[in-house]
Amino acid sequence: MSAQRLFAQSTVLLVVDVQERLCAAMDPMSLARMLKRTVAAMTGAQALGVPVIITEQYPKGLGPTVPPVKAAATSFAPVEKVRFSAALPEVLSQLGDRTQVLIAGMETHVCVFQTVRDLKDAGLQPFLLSDAVLSRNVLDREVGFSLCREAGASLTTVEAALFDMLEKAGTAEFKAVSAAVK
């Protein structure tokens, strides 16, 4: 099977549960890299006209979305949830006719994996942004990658996904995406 091609007009970016108390439990260096890539994904997606949806898992207990992610959103209206999967009716209704979903967030082996599985079951094509997802420990993150792949996700990176949707250089969008991924 060949790699699935991404199209900006068919894609949504879903940022899953990048919240204060979850972030506090992560390795600080890994978290910094993940946040940088998540913000790059959001900035690049928005430059390409790709909608960004943000979820928060039980914000009363896990706190709000962290400031860098919140600041990168052109509009901030997170979908609150208590289910681990972010493939909720409130999220799916925002997709419209878009069928490709880029996924960033945490934790890879729990909420991200269950979201991937449910998106695939809903007939959508999930793309895991492997440099923009995180778990508290490396083994759980690696197992999360395997589970997502087995559930039908294509694994990619922020830069690979954005440039796939971009298709060509020499445009204002190219400049914005290039700046975002630096």
N, C-alpha and C. Protein backbone atom coordinates (compact mmCIF):
# COMPACT_ATOMS: atom_id res chain seq x y z
N MET A 1 0.84 -1.18 0.00
CA MET A 1 0.00 0.00 0.00
C MET A 1 0.89 1.24 0.00
N SER A 2 0.57 2.20 -0.84
CA SER A 2 1.38 3.41 -0.90
C SER A 2 0.93 4.39 0.19
N ALA A 3 1.79 5.35 0.47
CA ALA A 3 1.49 6.36 1.48
C ALA A 3 0.32 7.22 1.03
N GLN A 4 -0.54 7.52 1.95
CA GLN A 4 -1.70 8.37 1.70
C GLN A 4 -1.23 9.81 1.51
N ARG A 5 -1.73 10.47 0.49
CA ARG A 5 -1.37 11.87 0.25
C ARG A 5 -2.30 12.78 1.04
N LEU A 6 -1.75 13.82 1.63
CA LEU A 6 -2.53 14.81 2.37
C LEU A 6 -2.93 15.97 1.47
N PHE A 7 -4.15 16.42 1.64
CA PHE A 7 -4.67 17.58 0.91
C PHE A 7 -5.20 18.58 1.92
N ALA A 8 -4.74 19.83 1.86
CA ALA A 8 -5.15 20.84 2.83
C ALA A 8 -6.66 20.98 2.91
N GLN A 9 -7.33 20.92 1.77
CA GLN A 9 -8.78 21.11 1.76
C GLN A 9 -9.54 19.92 2.34
N SER A 10 -8.84 18.80 2.57
CA SER A 10 -9.46 17.60 3.13
C SER A 10 -9.04 17.33 4.57
N THR A 11 -8.22 18.22 5.14
CA THR A 11 -7.55 17.93 6.40
C THR A 11 -7.98 18.84 7.53
N VAL A 12 -7.95 18.27 8.75
CA VAL A 12 -8.15 18.99 10.00
C VAL A 12 -7.00 18.60 10.92
N LEU A 13 -6.54 19.52 11.75
CA LEU A 13 -5.56 19.22 12.79
C LEU A 13 -6.29 19.12 14.12
N LEU A 14 -6.12 17.99 14.80
CA LEU A 14 -6.74 17.75 16.10
C LEU A 14 -5.64 17.71 17.15
N VAL A 15 -5.70 18.65 18.10
CA VAL A 15 -4.72 18.73 19.18
C VAL A 15 -5.39 18.21 20.45
N VAL A 16 -4.91 17.07 20.92
CA VAL A 16 -5.57 16.32 21.99
C VAL A 16 -4.90 16.58 23.35
N ASP A 17 -5.61 17.25 24.23
CA ASP A 17 -5.32 17.28 25.67
C ASP A 17 -3.92 17.74 26.05
N VAL A 18 -3.46 18.84 25.48
CA VAL A 18 -2.14 19.37 25.86
C VAL A 18 -2.38 20.36 27.02
N GLN A 19 -2.53 19.79 28.20
CA GLN A 19 -3.00 20.53 29.37
C GLN A 19 -1.93 20.61 30.47
N GLU A 20 -2.09 21.61 31.33
CA GLU A 20 -1.09 21.93 32.34
C GLU A 20 -0.66 20.73 33.20
N ARG A 21 -1.59 20.01 33.78
CA ARG A 21 -1.20 18.94 34.71
C ARG A 21 -0.63 17.73 33.97
N LEU A 22 -1.09 17.47 32.76
CA LEU A 22 -0.48 16.40 31.97
C LEU A 22 0.95 16.80 31.59
N CYS A 23 1.12 18.03 31.16
CA CYS A 23 2.45 18.50 30.76
C CYS A 23 3.43 18.45 31.93
N ALA A 24 2.95 18.74 33.12
CA ALA A 24 3.81 18.73 34.31
C ALA A 24 4.37 17.33 34.60
N ALA A 25 3.69 16.29 34.10
CA ALA A 25 4.12 14.91 34.34
C ALA A 25 5.12 14.42 33.28
N MET A 26 5.39 15.22 32.26
CA MET A 26 6.24 14.80 31.15
C MET A 26 7.70 15.19 31.39
N ASP A 27 8.60 14.48 30.73
CA ASP A 27 10.01 14.84 30.74
C ASP A 27 10.14 16.25 30.14
N PRO A 28 10.75 17.19 30.85
CA PRO A 28 10.79 18.58 30.39
C PRO A 28 11.40 18.78 28.99
N MET A 29 12.48 18.07 28.68
CA MET A 29 13.10 18.24 27.36
C MET A 29 12.20 17.68 26.26
N SER A 30 11.62 16.52 26.51
CA SER A 30 10.70 15.93 25.53
C SER A 30 9.47 16.80 25.34
N LEU A 31 8.97 17.35 26.43
CA LEU A 31 7.81 18.23 26.37
C LEU A 31 8.12 19.48 25.55
N ALA A 32 9.28 20.07 25.77
CA ALA A 32 9.65 21.28 25.01
C ALA A 32 9.68 21.00 23.51
N ARG A 33 10.26 19.86 23.11
CA ARG A 33 10.30 19.50 21.68
C ARG A 33 8.88 19.29 21.15
N MET A 34 8.07 18.55 21.92
CA MET A 34 6.70 18.26 21.48
C MET A 34 5.88 19.55 21.34
N LEU A 35 6.00 20.45 22.30
CA LEU A 35 5.26 21.71 22.22
C LEU A 35 5.70 22.54 21.03
N LYS A 36 7.00 22.59 20.77
CA LYS A 36 7.52 23.33 19.62
C LYS A 36 6.92 22.77 18.32
N ARG A 37 6.86 21.46 18.20
CA ARG A 37 6.33 20.84 16.98
C ARG A 37 4.81 21.01 16.89
N THR A 38 4.12 20.97 18.02
CA THR A 38 2.66 21.17 18.02
C THR A 38 2.33 22.59 17.57
N VAL A 39 3.04 23.56 18.11
CA VAL A 39 2.83 24.96 17.71
C VAL A 39 3.17 25.13 16.22
N ALA A 40 4.22 24.49 15.75
CA ALA A 40 4.56 24.55 14.32
C ALA A 40 3.44 23.95 13.48
N ALA A 41 2.89 22.84 13.93
CA ALA A 41 1.78 22.20 13.21
C ALA A 41 0.58 23.13 13.14
N MET A 42 0.27 23.76 14.26
CA MET A 42 -0.87 24.68 14.29
C MET A 42 -0.64 25.89 13.39
N THR A 43 0.53 26.48 13.48
CA THR A 43 0.85 27.66 12.67
C THR A 43 0.82 27.33 11.18
N GLY A 44 1.46 26.22 10.82
CA GLY A 44 1.48 25.80 9.42
C GLY A 44 0.10 25.42 8.91
N ALA A 45 -0.67 24.70 9.72
CA ALA A 45 -2.02 24.30 9.32
C ALA A 45 -2.88 25.54 9.06
N GLN A 46 -2.82 26.49 9.97
CA GLN A 46 -3.64 27.69 9.82
C GLN A 46 -3.22 28.49 8.59
N ALA A 47 -1.93 28.50 8.26
CA ALA A 47 -1.46 29.19 7.05
C ALA A 47 -2.01 28.53 5.79
N LEU A 48 -2.27 27.22 5.88
CA LEU A 48 -2.80 26.48 4.73
C LEU A 48 -4.33 26.39 4.72
N GLY A 49 -4.98 27.05 5.67
CA GLY A 49 -6.43 27.02 5.74
C GLY A 49 -6.98 25.73 6.35
N VAL A 50 -6.14 25.01 7.08
CA VAL A 50 -6.56 23.77 7.72
C VAL A 50 -7.10 24.12 9.11
N PRO A 51 -8.35 23.76 9.40
CA PRO A 51 -8.90 24.05 10.72
C PRO A 51 -8.16 23.29 11.83
N VAL A 52 -8.11 23.92 13.01
CA VAL A 52 -7.49 23.31 14.18
C VAL A 52 -8.57 23.14 15.25
N ILE A 53 -8.68 21.91 15.75
CA ILE A 53 -9.62 21.60 16.83
C ILE A 53 -8.78 21.19 18.04
N ILE A 54 -9.11 21.74 19.20
CA ILE A 54 -8.38 21.44 20.43
C ILE A 54 -9.34 20.81 21.43
N THR A 55 -8.87 19.73 22.09
CA THR A 55 -9.68 19.11 23.14
C THR A 55 -8.99 19.25 24.48
N GLU A 56 -9.80 19.19 25.54
CA GLU A 56 -9.30 19.18 26.90
C GLU A 56 -9.98 18.05 27.66
N GLN A 57 -9.17 17.17 28.24
CA GLN A 57 -9.66 16.07 29.05
C GLN A 57 -9.90 16.58 30.47
N TYR A 58 -11.14 16.54 30.91
CA TYR A 58 -11.52 16.90 32.27
C TYR A 58 -10.68 18.07 32.80
N PRO A 59 -10.89 19.27 32.24
CA PRO A 59 -10.06 20.42 32.61
C PRO A 59 -10.11 20.78 34.09
N LYS A 60 -11.18 20.45 34.77
CA LYS A 60 -11.26 20.73 36.22
C LYS A 60 -10.15 19.99 36.97
N GLY A 61 -9.80 18.79 36.50
CA GLY A 61 -8.76 18.01 37.15
C GLY A 61 -7.38 18.16 36.52
N LEU A 62 -7.35 18.31 35.18
CA LEU A 62 -6.06 18.34 34.47
C LEU A 62 -5.63 19.75 34.06
N GLY A 63 -6.44 20.72 34.38
CA GLY A 63 -6.09 22.10 34.07
C GLY A 63 -6.38 22.45 32.62
N PRO A 64 -6.14 23.72 32.28
CA PRO A 64 -6.41 24.19 30.92
C PRO A 64 -5.30 23.81 29.95
N THR A 65 -5.56 24.07 28.69
CA THR A 65 -4.55 23.93 27.64
C THR A 65 -3.39 24.86 27.98
N VAL A 66 -2.17 24.38 27.73
CA VAL A 66 -0.99 25.18 28.08
C VAL A 66 -0.91 26.44 27.22
N PRO A 67 -0.33 27.51 27.77
CA PRO A 67 -0.28 28.80 27.06
C PRO A 67 0.30 28.76 25.64
N PRO A 68 1.41 28.04 25.35
CA PRO A 68 1.92 28.09 23.98
C PRO A 68 0.93 27.56 22.94
N VAL A 69 0.18 26.54 23.30
CA VAL A 69 -0.82 25.98 22.37
C VAL A 69 -2.00 26.93 22.25
N LYS A 70 -2.44 27.43 23.37
CA LYS A 70 -3.56 28.38 23.36
C LYS A 70 -3.20 29.62 22.53
N ALA A 71 -1.99 30.13 22.69
CA ALA A 71 -1.55 31.32 21.97
C ALA A 71 -1.43 31.08 20.47
N ALA A 72 -1.14 29.85 20.06
CA ALA A 72 -0.98 29.54 18.64
C ALA A 72 -2.32 29.40 17.91
N ALA A 73 -3.40 29.27 18.65
CA ALA A 73 -4.72 29.10 18.04
C ALA A 73 -5.26 30.45 17.58
N THR A 74 -5.75 30.51 16.35
CA THR A 74 -6.35 31.76 15.87
C THR A 74 -7.69 32.00 16.55
N SER A 75 -8.37 30.94 16.92
CA SER A 75 -9.56 31.05 17.78
C SER A 75 -9.48 29.88 18.75
N PHE A 76 -9.83 30.13 19.99
CA PHE A 76 -9.66 29.11 21.02
C PHE A 76 -11.00 28.78 21.64
N ALA A 77 -11.52 27.60 21.29
CA ALA A 77 -12.77 27.10 21.85
C ALA A 77 -12.63 25.59 22.03
N PRO A 78 -11.88 25.17 23.08
CA PRO A 78 -11.62 23.73 23.24
C PRO A 78 -12.88 22.92 23.49
N VAL A 79 -12.86 21.71 23.00
CA VAL A 79 -13.95 20.76 23.26
C VAL A 79 -13.59 20.01 24.53
N GLU A 80 -14.40 20.17 25.57
CA GLU A 80 -14.16 19.46 26.82
C GLU A 80 -14.67 18.04 26.70
N LYS A 81 -13.94 17.11 27.34
CA LYS A 81 -14.32 15.71 27.26
C LYS A 81 -13.97 14.99 28.55
N VAL A 82 -14.62 13.86 28.78
CA VAL A 82 -14.24 12.96 29.85
C VAL A 82 -13.90 11.58 29.28
N ARG A 83 -14.34 11.30 28.06
CA ARG A 83 -13.92 10.07 27.36
C ARG A 83 -12.47 10.24 26.96
N PHE A 84 -11.74 9.13 26.89
CA PHE A 84 -10.35 9.22 26.46
C PHE A 84 -10.27 9.61 24.99
N SER A 85 -11.09 9.01 24.15
CA SER A 85 -11.08 9.33 22.72
C SER A 85 -11.59 10.74 22.49
N ALA A 86 -10.93 11.45 21.58
CA ALA A 86 -11.39 12.78 21.18
C ALA A 86 -12.30 12.73 19.96
N ALA A 87 -12.61 11.52 19.48
CA ALA A 87 -13.50 11.39 18.32
C ALA A 87 -14.95 11.44 18.80
N LEU A 88 -15.30 12.56 19.39
CA LEU A 88 -16.62 12.79 19.95
C LEU A 88 -17.54 13.42 18.90
N PRO A 89 -18.85 13.31 19.08
CA PRO A 89 -19.76 13.97 18.13
C PRO A 89 -19.46 15.46 17.97
N GLU A 90 -19.08 16.14 19.07
CA GLU A 90 -18.78 17.58 19.01
C GLU A 90 -17.55 17.86 18.16
N VAL A 91 -16.63 16.92 18.10
CA VAL A 91 -15.44 17.05 17.26
C VAL A 91 -15.77 16.65 15.82
N LEU A 92 -16.38 15.49 15.66
CA LEU A 92 -16.69 14.99 14.32
C LEU A 92 -17.57 15.96 13.54
N SER A 93 -18.49 16.64 14.23
CA SER A 93 -19.37 17.59 13.54
C SER A 93 -18.60 18.78 12.99
N GLN A 94 -17.42 19.08 13.57
CA GLN A 94 -16.61 20.20 13.08
C GLN A 94 -15.78 19.84 11.84
N LEU A 95 -15.73 18.55 11.50
CA LEU A 95 -14.94 18.13 10.34
C LEU A 95 -15.59 18.49 9.01
N GLY A 96 -16.91 18.61 9.01
CA GLY A 96 -17.60 18.85 7.74
C GLY A 96 -17.32 17.69 6.80
N ASP A 97 -16.88 18.00 5.57
CA ASP A 97 -16.58 16.94 4.61
C ASP A 97 -15.10 16.59 4.58
N ARG A 98 -14.33 17.08 5.53
CA ARG A 98 -12.90 16.75 5.61
C ARG A 98 -12.74 15.35 6.19
N THR A 99 -11.87 14.58 5.57
CA THR A 99 -11.73 13.16 5.94
C THR A 99 -10.35 12.79 6.47
N GLN A 100 -9.41 13.71 6.41
CA GLN A 100 -8.05 13.44 6.87
C GLN A 100 -7.81 14.22 8.16
N VAL A 101 -7.31 13.52 9.19
CA VAL A 101 -7.15 14.16 10.49
C VAL A 101 -5.71 13.98 10.97
N LEU A 102 -5.00 15.11 11.08
CA LEU A 102 -3.67 15.11 11.69
C LEU A 102 -3.87 15.14 13.20
N ILE A 103 -3.10 14.34 13.93
CA ILE A 103 -3.29 14.26 15.37
C ILE A 103 -1.99 14.58 16.10
N ALA A 104 -2.09 15.53 17.03
CA ALA A 104 -1.01 15.88 17.95
C ALA A 104 -1.59 15.76 19.36
N GLY A 105 -0.72 15.62 20.35
CA GLY A 105 -1.22 15.65 21.72
C GLY A 105 -0.68 14.57 22.63
N MET A 106 -1.46 14.29 23.66
CA MET A 106 -1.02 13.36 24.68
C MET A 106 -2.19 12.67 25.35
N GLU A 107 -1.98 11.55 25.93
CA GLU A 107 -0.79 10.74 25.84
C GLU A 107 -0.94 9.77 24.68
N THR A 108 0.17 9.46 24.04
CA THR A 108 0.17 8.67 22.81
C THR A 108 -0.54 7.34 22.96
N HIS A 109 -0.33 6.66 24.06
CA HIS A 109 -0.86 5.30 24.26
C HIS A 109 -2.27 5.27 24.83
N VAL A 110 -2.84 6.42 25.19
CA VAL A 110 -4.18 6.44 25.78
C VAL A 110 -5.10 7.27 24.88
N CYS A 111 -5.21 8.56 25.13
CA CYS A 111 -6.16 9.40 24.40
C CYS A 111 -5.85 9.48 22.91
N VAL A 112 -4.59 9.60 22.56
CA VAL A 112 -4.23 9.70 21.14
C VAL A 112 -4.56 8.39 20.43
N PHE A 113 -4.14 7.25 20.99
CA PHE A 113 -4.43 5.96 20.37
C PHE A 113 -5.94 5.73 20.24
N GLN A 114 -6.70 5.97 21.30
CA GLN A 114 -8.14 5.71 21.24
C GLN A 114 -8.83 6.65 20.24
N THR A 115 -8.30 7.85 20.11
CA THR A 115 -8.82 8.78 19.10
C THR A 115 -8.55 8.25 17.70
N VAL A 116 -7.32 7.80 17.45
CA VAL A 116 -6.97 7.23 16.14
C VAL A 116 -7.90 6.08 15.81
N ARG A 117 -8.06 5.16 16.74
CA ARG A 117 -8.91 3.98 16.50
C ARG A 117 -10.34 4.39 16.17
N ASP A 118 -10.89 5.34 16.93
CA ASP A 118 -12.27 5.76 16.70
C ASP A 118 -12.43 6.56 15.41
N LEU A 119 -11.43 7.36 15.06
CA LEU A 119 -11.49 8.08 13.78
C LEU A 119 -11.49 7.10 12.62
N LYS A 120 -10.63 6.10 12.69
CA LYS A 120 -10.56 5.07 11.64
C LYS A 120 -11.89 4.33 11.55
N ASP A 121 -12.45 3.96 12.70
CA ASP A 121 -13.74 3.27 12.73
C ASP A 121 -14.86 4.13 12.14
N ALA A 122 -14.70 5.45 12.20
CA ALA A 122 -15.69 6.38 11.65
C ALA A 122 -15.48 6.61 10.15
N GLY A 123 -14.50 5.91 9.56
CA GLY A 123 -14.26 6.03 8.13
C GLY A 123 -13.32 7.16 7.75
N LEU A 124 -12.62 7.72 8.72
CA LEU A 124 -11.70 8.82 8.46
C LEU A 124 -10.28 8.30 8.39
N GLN A 125 -9.35 9.11 7.86
CA GLN A 125 -7.95 8.72 7.75
C GLN A 125 -7.12 9.50 8.75
N PRO A 126 -6.69 8.84 9.85
CA PRO A 126 -5.85 9.53 10.83
C PRO A 126 -4.38 9.52 10.44
N PHE A 127 -3.71 10.63 10.71
CA PHE A 127 -2.28 10.79 10.50
C PHE A 127 -1.67 11.21 11.83
N LEU A 128 -0.83 10.37 12.39
CA LEU A 128 -0.20 10.65 13.66
C LEU A 128 1.05 11.49 13.44
N LEU A 129 1.07 12.69 14.01
CA LEU A 129 2.26 13.55 13.94
C LEU A 129 3.22 13.06 15.02
N SER A 130 4.11 12.17 14.63
CA SER A 130 4.93 11.44 15.60
C SER A 130 5.86 12.34 16.42
N ASP A 131 6.18 13.52 15.92
CA ASP A 131 7.01 14.45 16.68
C ASP A 131 6.19 15.44 17.51
N ALA A 132 4.87 15.30 17.47
CA ALA A 132 3.98 16.20 18.22
C ALA A 132 3.05 15.42 19.14
N VAL A 133 3.47 14.23 19.53
CA VAL A 133 2.73 13.44 20.52
C VAL A 133 3.70 13.01 21.61
N LEU A 134 3.16 12.74 22.80
CA LEU A 134 4.03 12.44 23.93
C LEU A 134 3.30 11.57 24.94
N SER A 135 4.07 10.76 25.65
CA SER A 135 3.61 10.01 26.81
C SER A 135 4.62 10.25 27.92
N ARG A 136 4.23 9.89 29.14
CA ARG A 136 5.13 10.11 30.27
C ARG A 136 6.42 9.32 30.15
N ASN A 137 6.34 8.13 29.55
CA ASN A 137 7.59 7.38 29.39
C ASN A 137 7.73 6.89 27.96
N VAL A 138 8.96 6.61 27.59
CA VAL A 138 9.31 6.26 26.21
C VAL A 138 8.61 4.98 25.77
N LEU A 139 8.55 3.98 26.62
CA LEU A 139 7.91 2.71 26.23
C LEU A 139 6.45 2.93 25.88
N ASP A 140 5.72 3.67 26.71
CA ASP A 140 4.31 3.93 26.42
C ASP A 140 4.15 4.68 25.10
N ARG A 141 5.05 5.62 24.82
CA ARG A 141 5.00 6.37 23.56
C ARG A 141 5.23 5.42 22.38
N GLU A 142 6.24 4.56 22.50
CA GLU A 142 6.54 3.62 21.41
C GLU A 142 5.40 2.63 21.20
N VAL A 143 4.83 2.12 22.29
CA VAL A 143 3.68 1.22 22.18
C VAL A 143 2.51 1.98 21.55
N GLY A 144 2.35 3.23 21.94
CA GLY A 144 1.30 4.06 21.34
C GLY A 144 1.46 4.18 19.83
N PHE A 145 2.71 4.35 19.36
CA PHE A 145 2.96 4.38 17.92
C PHE A 145 2.49 3.08 17.27
N SER A 146 2.87 1.95 17.86
CA SER A 146 2.48 0.65 17.30
C SER A 146 0.97 0.48 17.29
N LEU A 147 0.33 0.84 18.39
CA LEU A 147 -1.13 0.72 18.46
C LEU A 147 -1.80 1.60 17.41
N CYS A 148 -1.31 2.81 17.25
CA CYS A 148 -1.89 3.72 16.25
C CYS A 148 -1.71 3.18 14.84
N ARG A 149 -0.52 2.66 14.55
CA ARG A 149 -0.25 2.08 13.23
C ARG A 149 -1.18 0.89 12.98
N GLU A 150 -1.31 0.01 13.98
CA GLU A 150 -2.19 -1.16 13.85
C GLU A 150 -3.65 -0.75 13.69
N ALA A 151 -4.02 0.38 14.27
CA ALA A 151 -5.40 0.86 14.16
C ALA A 151 -5.66 1.55 12.83
N GLY A 152 -4.61 1.76 12.03
CA GLY A 152 -4.81 2.31 10.69
C GLY A 152 -4.29 3.71 10.47
N ALA A 153 -3.54 4.26 11.43
CA ALA A 153 -2.98 5.59 11.24
C ALA A 153 -1.75 5.55 10.35
N SER A 154 -1.57 6.59 9.58
CA SER A 154 -0.30 6.80 8.89
C SER A 154 0.57 7.61 9.84
N LEU A 155 1.82 7.19 10.03
CA LEU A 155 2.74 7.94 10.87
C LEU A 155 3.53 8.91 10.00
N THR A 156 3.60 10.14 10.47
CA THR A 156 4.30 11.19 9.74
C THR A 156 4.92 12.14 10.74
N THR A 157 5.47 13.22 10.27
CA THR A 157 5.98 14.28 11.14
C THR A 157 5.28 15.58 10.75
N VAL A 158 5.43 16.57 11.60
CA VAL A 158 4.83 17.87 11.32
C VAL A 158 5.33 18.41 9.99
N GLU A 159 6.65 18.42 9.81
CA GLU A 159 7.21 18.97 8.58
C GLU A 159 6.78 18.18 7.35
N ALA A 160 6.80 16.86 7.43
CA ALA A 160 6.40 16.03 6.28
C ALA A 160 4.95 16.30 5.92
N ALA A 161 4.08 16.38 6.92
CA ALA A 161 2.65 16.60 6.66
C ALA A 161 2.39 17.98 6.05
N LEU A 162 3.01 19.01 6.62
CA LEU A 162 2.78 20.35 6.11
C LEU A 162 3.28 20.51 4.68
N PHE A 163 4.47 19.99 4.39
CA PHE A 163 4.99 20.12 3.03
C PHE A 163 4.24 19.24 2.04
N ASP A 164 3.65 18.14 2.51
CA ASP A 164 2.81 17.31 1.64
C ASP A 164 1.58 18.10 1.22
N MET A 165 0.96 18.79 2.16
CA MET A 165 -0.21 19.60 1.83
C MET A 165 0.16 20.82 1.00
N LEU A 166 1.35 21.35 1.21
CA LEU A 166 1.80 22.56 0.52
C LEU A 166 2.01 22.33 -0.97
N GLU A 167 2.64 21.22 -1.31
CA GLU A 167 2.88 20.79 -2.69
C GLU A 167 3.96 21.54 -3.45
N LYS A 168 4.11 22.89 -3.24
CA LYS A 168 5.10 23.63 -4.04
C LYS A 168 5.66 24.80 -3.26
N ALA A 169 6.80 25.26 -3.69
CA ALA A 169 7.47 26.42 -3.09
C ALA A 169 7.05 27.69 -3.81
N GLY A 170 7.55 28.83 -3.31
CA GLY A 170 7.36 30.08 -4.02
C GLY A 170 6.04 30.78 -3.74
N THR A 171 5.33 30.39 -2.71
CA THR A 171 4.05 31.02 -2.38
C THR A 171 4.12 31.62 -0.99
N ALA A 172 3.15 32.45 -0.65
CA ALA A 172 3.07 33.01 0.70
C ALA A 172 2.89 31.89 1.73
N GLU A 173 2.12 30.87 1.36
CA GLU A 173 1.92 29.74 2.25
C GLU A 173 3.23 28.99 2.51
N PHE A 174 4.04 28.85 1.44
CA PHE A 174 5.34 28.20 1.59
C PHE A 174 6.21 28.96 2.60
N LYS A 175 6.22 30.28 2.49
CA LYS A 175 7.02 31.10 3.41
C LYS A 175 6.53 30.93 4.85
N ALA A 176 5.21 30.91 5.03
CA ALA A 176 4.65 30.76 6.37
C ALA A 176 4.95 29.38 6.96
N VAL A 177 4.83 28.34 6.15
CA VAL A 177 5.12 26.98 6.62
C VAL A 177 6.61 26.83 6.91
N SER A 178 7.45 27.34 6.02
CA SER A 178 8.90 27.27 6.24
C SER A 178 9.29 27.95 7.55
N ALA A 179 8.71 29.09 7.82
CA ALA A 179 9.00 29.81 9.07
C ALA A 179 8.50 29.01 10.27
N ALA A 180 7.36 28.37 10.14
CA ALA A 180 6.77 27.62 11.26
C ALA A 180 7.61 26.42 11.66
N VAL A 181 8.22 25.74 10.69
CA VAL A 181 8.95 24.51 11.00
C VAL A 181 10.42 24.73 11.34
N LYS A 182 10.91 25.96 11.28
CA LYS A 182 12.31 26.24 11.61
C LYS A 182 12.60 25.96 13.05
